[in-house]
Amino acid sequence: MARLRDPQGGCAWDLEQTFATIAPYTVEEAYEVADAIERGDLKDLREELGDLLFQVVFHSRMAEEAGAFAFDDVAEAIVDKMIRRHPHVFGDAGERSSGEQVAAWEVMKARERAKKAKTGVLADVPVGLPALTRAVKLTKRAARVGFDWPTPAEVIAKLHEELDELQVEIDAGDQVKMREELGDLLFVVANLARKLDVEPEDALRAANAKFIRRFGYIEDRLAEGGRTPDQSDLAEMDGLWNAAKAAEKG
């Protein structure tokens, strides 16, 4: 990375990059790691983890050039954090169950936020997270101080309420309020996912894959007759969709 960023003989593209321009690639590589895991492709996972590690190296090199920190500092910082947050492994604290460790971890994170003058309950939930993931984290934080529905049933009731409010704005044709109400609806869906202990991003990725698979079935069946989807109609394609659904369940 130092060679790529060397003003004398380095790569022009790499030299032009900043933390801001590289950040989208970092997020993209993290998603590609998740995709390889979802597909169970360990060979691809090895490659994607390398790509993600390269992003860490890239940011670290730019920070080193700015005199802030280097790659070794990044590694040392996470080692220190893991030791600090696992006193039951590296210290003299008693043995903890998985649930107890999660609770203790959150307490330690809260203390660390306080030291950084980030004392609000919702402080430091990253803005750059995918919106559904951030919604889950925000509601999880609020739930720790008692701002939460007791059961999923109450969340589902809220979901119906938000859906009714969205319908009102759809009927009124108010685009601005439709956007707002749709956002509220999605936020409640994310909260419901948290209550059900389901990761919404994972669930939506699975739904996307299912849609692609079933639509592919429609295309294949139509192709057998020498046609494409645009030469069909909704009724026929819906029937093929249901056939694909039945075949999967069968």
Protein backbone atom coordinates (compact mmCIF):
# COMPACT_ATOMS: atom_id res chain seq x y z
CA MET A 1 0.00 0.00 0.00
CA ALA A 2 2.90 2.32 0.73
CA ARG A 3 4.26 1.60 -2.75
CA LEU A 4 0.86 2.24 -4.36
CA ARG A 5 0.62 5.58 -2.52
CA ASP A 6 4.22 6.60 -3.26
CA PRO A 7 4.19 9.97 -5.10
CA GLN A 8 7.29 8.78 -6.94
CA GLY A 9 6.17 5.87 -9.11
CA GLY A 10 2.97 4.92 -7.31
CA CYS A 11 -0.50 4.44 -8.79
CA ALA A 12 -2.22 7.67 -9.82
CA TRP A 13 -5.68 6.36 -8.83
CA ASP A 14 -4.55 5.23 -5.37
CA LEU A 15 -2.81 8.56 -4.79
CA GLU A 16 -6.01 10.47 -5.56
CA GLN A 17 -8.07 8.63 -2.94
CA THR A 18 -9.18 9.96 0.45
CA PHE A 19 -10.97 8.43 3.42
CA ALA A 20 -14.25 9.68 1.98
CA THR A 21 -13.72 8.25 -1.50
CA ILE A 22 -12.61 4.86 -0.20
CA ALA A 23 -15.41 4.51 2.40
CA PRO A 24 -18.03 3.29 -0.14
CA TYR A 25 -15.64 0.55 -1.28
CA THR A 26 -15.15 -0.51 2.34
CA VAL A 27 -18.90 -0.89 2.81
CA GLU A 28 -19.20 -2.74 -0.52
CA GLU A 29 -16.46 -5.20 0.43
CA ALA A 30 -18.16 -5.92 3.76
CA TYR A 31 -21.35 -6.78 1.87
CA GLU A 32 -19.41 -9.06 -0.47
CA VAL A 33 -18.05 -10.89 2.58
CA ALA A 34 -21.63 -11.32 3.82
CA ASP A 35 -22.70 -12.55 0.38
CA ALA A 36 -19.98 -15.21 0.30
CA ILE A 37 -21.07 -16.38 3.74
CA GLU A 38 -24.72 -16.47 2.63
CA ARG A 39 -23.74 -18.65 -0.33
CA GLY A 40 -21.56 -20.90 1.82
CA ASP A 41 -18.63 -20.32 -0.56
CA LEU A 42 -15.51 -20.55 1.60
CA LYS A 43 -13.15 -20.15 -1.34
CA ASP A 44 -14.85 -16.91 -2.27
CA LEU A 45 -14.98 -15.91 1.40
CA ARG A 46 -11.19 -16.13 1.62
CA GLU A 47 -10.87 -13.77 -1.34
CA GLU A 48 -13.50 -11.35 -0.06
CA LEU A 49 -11.92 -11.22 3.40
CA GLY A 50 -8.68 -10.30 1.68
CA ASP A 51 -10.44 -7.49 -0.17
CA LEU A 52 -11.92 -6.26 3.10
CA LEU A 53 -8.55 -6.44 4.83
CA PHE A 54 -7.09 -4.39 2.00
CA GLN A 55 -9.60 -1.66 2.83
CA VAL A 56 -8.30 -1.56 6.41
CA VAL A 57 -4.74 -1.35 5.08
CA PHE A 58 -5.72 1.45 2.68
CA HIS A 59 -7.32 3.59 5.40
CA SER A 60 -4.45 2.86 7.78
CA ARG A 61 -1.87 3.93 5.21
CA MET A 62 -3.64 7.23 4.57
CA ALA A 63 -3.84 7.82 8.32
CA GLU A 64 -0.12 7.07 8.66
CA GLU A 65 0.65 9.61 5.96
CA ALA A 66 -1.38 12.14 7.95
CA GLY A 67 0.60 11.32 11.09
CA ALA A 68 -2.46 9.96 12.90
CA PHE A 69 -1.93 6.20 13.25
CA ALA A 70 -0.66 3.17 11.35
CA PHE A 71 -1.86 -0.37 10.69
CA ASP A 72 -0.07 -1.73 13.76
CA ASP A 73 -1.93 0.80 15.90
CA VAL A 74 -5.24 -0.44 14.52
CA ALA A 75 -4.33 -4.04 15.35
CA GLU A 76 -3.09 -3.09 18.81
CA ALA A 77 -6.25 -1.12 19.56
CA ILE A 78 -8.58 -4.02 18.78
CA VAL A 79 -6.41 -6.42 20.79
CA ASP A 80 -6.61 -4.07 23.78
CA LYS A 81 -10.36 -3.74 23.36
CA MET A 82 -10.95 -7.49 23.17
CA ILE A 83 -8.87 -8.06 26.32
CA ARG A 84 -10.70 -5.25 28.12
CA ARG A 85 -14.13 -6.52 27.13
CA HIS A 86 -13.42 -10.18 27.99
CA PRO A 87 -12.24 -10.09 31.62
CA HIS A 88 -13.76 -13.55 32.11
CA VAL A 89 -11.22 -14.89 29.59
CA PHE A 90 -8.17 -12.66 30.01
CA GLY A 91 -8.75 -11.46 33.58
CA ASP A 92 -10.08 -12.77 36.87
CA ALA A 93 -13.82 -12.26 36.29
CA GLY A 94 -16.09 -15.26 36.72
CA GLU A 95 -17.30 -17.38 33.84
CA ARG A 96 -20.10 -15.85 31.76
CA SER A 97 -22.81 -17.29 29.58
CA SER A 98 -23.29 -15.88 26.09
CA GLY A 99 -26.21 -13.73 27.27
CA GLU A 100 -24.28 -12.44 30.28
CA GLN A 101 -21.36 -11.51 28.04
CA VAL A 102 -23.62 -9.56 25.67
CA ALA A 103 -25.06 -7.61 28.61
CA ALA A 104 -21.61 -6.93 30.07
CA TRP A 105 -20.33 -5.89 26.64
CA GLU A 106 -23.07 -3.30 26.32
CA VAL A 107 -22.33 -1.91 29.80
CA MET A 108 -18.65 -1.51 28.89
CA LYS A 109 -19.53 0.14 25.58
CA ALA A 110 -21.75 2.60 27.46
CA ARG A 111 -18.88 3.47 29.78
CA GLU A 112 -16.57 3.98 26.82
CA ARG A 113 -19.13 6.26 25.16
CA ALA A 114 -19.38 8.30 28.36
CA LYS A 115 -15.61 8.76 28.42
CA LYS A 116 -15.81 10.07 24.86
CA ALA A 117 -18.48 12.58 25.95
CA LYS A 118 -21.09 10.65 23.97
CA THR A 119 -23.53 10.21 26.81
CA GLY A 120 -26.89 10.03 25.01
CA VAL A 121 -28.54 6.62 24.82
CA LEU A 122 -28.50 6.81 21.02
CA ALA A 123 -25.04 8.34 20.81
CA ASP A 124 -22.56 6.91 18.30
CA VAL A 125 -24.96 4.62 16.41
CA PRO A 126 -23.21 5.11 13.05
CA VAL A 127 -25.10 7.20 10.52
CA GLY A 128 -23.45 5.30 7.68
CA LEU A 129 -25.05 1.97 8.57
CA PRO A 130 -27.72 0.54 6.25
CA ALA A 131 -30.98 2.17 7.33
CA LEU A 132 -32.67 -1.07 8.46
CA THR A 133 -29.64 -2.10 10.49
CA ARG A 134 -29.41 1.34 12.08
CA ALA A 135 -33.11 1.25 12.94
CA VAL A 136 -32.57 -2.05 14.76
CA LYS A 137 -29.62 -0.64 16.68
CA LEU A 138 -31.53 2.52 17.63
CA THR A 139 -34.52 0.57 18.96
CA LYS A 140 -32.23 -1.86 20.74
CA ARG A 141 -30.52 1.03 22.53
CA ALA A 142 -33.87 2.56 23.49
CA ALA A 143 -35.11 -0.81 24.72
CA ARG A 144 -32.26 -0.98 27.25
CA VAL A 145 -33.80 1.94 29.13
CA GLY A 146 -37.33 0.55 28.96
CA PHE A 147 -38.56 2.31 25.81
CA ASP A 148 -39.89 -0.80 24.11
CA TRP A 149 -43.04 -2.81 23.49
CA PRO A 150 -43.27 -5.88 25.75
CA THR A 151 -44.09 -8.39 22.98
CA PRO A 152 -44.11 -8.64 19.17
CA ALA A 153 -47.92 -8.42 19.24
CA GLU A 154 -47.77 -4.72 20.19
CA VAL A 155 -45.29 -4.07 17.39
CA ILE A 156 -47.56 -5.80 14.89
CA ALA A 157 -50.46 -3.63 16.07
CA LYS A 158 -48.27 -0.57 15.49
CA LEU A 159 -47.42 -1.94 12.06
CA HIS A 160 -51.12 -2.01 11.13
CA GLU A 161 -51.50 1.52 12.48
CA GLU A 162 -48.62 2.80 10.36
CA LEU A 163 -49.99 0.98 7.31
CA ASP A 164 -53.37 2.70 7.79
CA GLU A 165 -51.62 6.07 8.07
CA LEU A 166 -49.73 5.38 4.86
CA GLN A 167 -52.99 4.51 3.10
CA VAL A 168 -54.46 7.87 4.14
CA GLU A 169 -51.58 9.70 2.46
CA ILE A 170 -51.74 7.48 -0.63
CA ASP A 171 -55.43 8.34 -0.96
CA ALA A 172 -54.58 12.03 -0.49
CA GLY A 173 -51.80 11.84 -3.07
CA ASP A 174 -49.36 13.66 -0.79
CA GLN A 175 -45.92 12.45 -1.94
CA VAL A 176 -44.01 14.10 0.92
CA LYS A 177 -46.19 12.56 3.61
CA MET A 178 -46.24 9.21 1.80
CA ARG A 179 -42.44 9.16 2.07
CA GLU A 180 -42.62 9.98 5.78
CA GLU A 181 -45.26 7.35 6.54
CA LEU A 182 -43.44 4.72 4.51
CA GLY A 183 -40.33 5.49 6.54
CA ASP A 184 -42.32 5.02 9.75
CA LEU A 185 -43.63 1.71 8.44
CA LEU A 186 -40.14 0.45 7.61
CA PHE A 187 -38.87 1.58 11.01
CA VAL A 188 -41.57 -0.48 12.74
CA VAL A 189 -40.72 -3.46 10.51
CA ALA A 190 -37.10 -3.17 11.63
CA ASN A 191 -38.25 -3.01 15.26
CA LEU A 192 -40.37 -6.12 14.73
CA ALA A 193 -37.35 -7.90 13.28
CA ARG A 194 -35.42 -7.06 16.45
CA LYS A 195 -38.24 -8.38 18.65
CA LEU A 196 -38.27 -11.61 16.62
CA ASP A 197 -34.46 -11.85 16.78
CA VAL A 198 -34.25 -11.71 12.99
CA GLU A 199 -31.61 -9.64 11.19
CA PRO A 200 -33.68 -7.59 8.70
CA GLU A 201 -30.86 -7.14 6.21
CA ASP A 202 -30.37 -10.93 6.11
CA ALA A 203 -34.10 -11.49 5.78
CA LEU A 204 -34.36 -8.99 2.93
CA ARG A 205 -31.33 -10.47 1.15
CA ALA A 206 -33.01 -13.88 1.35
CA ALA A 207 -36.24 -12.38 -0.01
CA ASN A 208 -34.30 -10.79 -2.87
CA ALA A 209 -32.71 -14.14 -3.71
CA LYS A 210 -36.12 -15.81 -3.60
CA PHE A 211 -37.56 -13.20 -5.95
CA ILE A 212 -34.70 -13.68 -8.42
CA ARG A 213 -35.08 -17.46 -8.25
CA ARG A 214 -38.84 -17.43 -8.82
CA PHE A 215 -38.73 -14.79 -11.53
CA GLY A 216 -36.05 -16.89 -13.22
CA TYR A 217 -38.53 -19.78 -13.19
CA ILE A 218 -41.06 -17.54 -14.98
CA GLU A 219 -38.48 -16.59 -17.61
CA ASP A 220 -37.48 -20.22 -18.14
CA ARG A 221 -41.05 -21.43 -18.59
CA LEU A 222 -41.84 -18.63 -21.03
CA ALA A 223 -38.60 -19.27 -22.93
CA GLU A 224 -39.72 -22.86 -23.49
CA GLY A 225 -42.49 -21.40 -25.64
CA GLY A 226 -40.15 -18.94 -27.36
CA ARG A 227 -41.42 -15.94 -25.39
CA THR A 228 -40.09 -13.35 -22.95
CA PRO A 229 -41.84 -11.73 -19.95
CA ASP A 230 -42.76 -8.63 -21.94
CA GLN A 231 -44.68 -10.92 -24.31
CA SER A 232 -46.72 -12.33 -21.44
CA ASP A 233 -49.20 -10.71 -19.06
CA LEU A 234 -49.56 -10.38 -15.30
CA ALA A 235 -52.12 -13.19 -14.97
CA GLU A 236 -49.90 -15.71 -16.74
CA MET A 237 -46.76 -14.65 -14.91
CA ASP A 238 -48.59 -14.72 -11.57
CA GLY A 239 -49.68 -18.27 -12.33
CA LEU A 240 -46.08 -19.25 -13.12
CA TRP A 241 -44.95 -17.52 -9.92
CA ASN A 242 -47.36 -19.65 -7.93
CA ALA A 243 -46.09 -22.73 -9.76
CA ALA A 244 -42.52 -21.83 -8.80
CA LYS A 245 -43.64 -21.30 -5.21
CA ALA A 246 -45.41 -24.68 -5.14
CA ALA A 247 -42.38 -26.40 -6.67
CA GLU A 248 -40.11 -24.98 -3.95
CA LYS A 249 -42.46 -26.04 -1.19
CA GLY A 250 -42.80 -29.46 -2.76
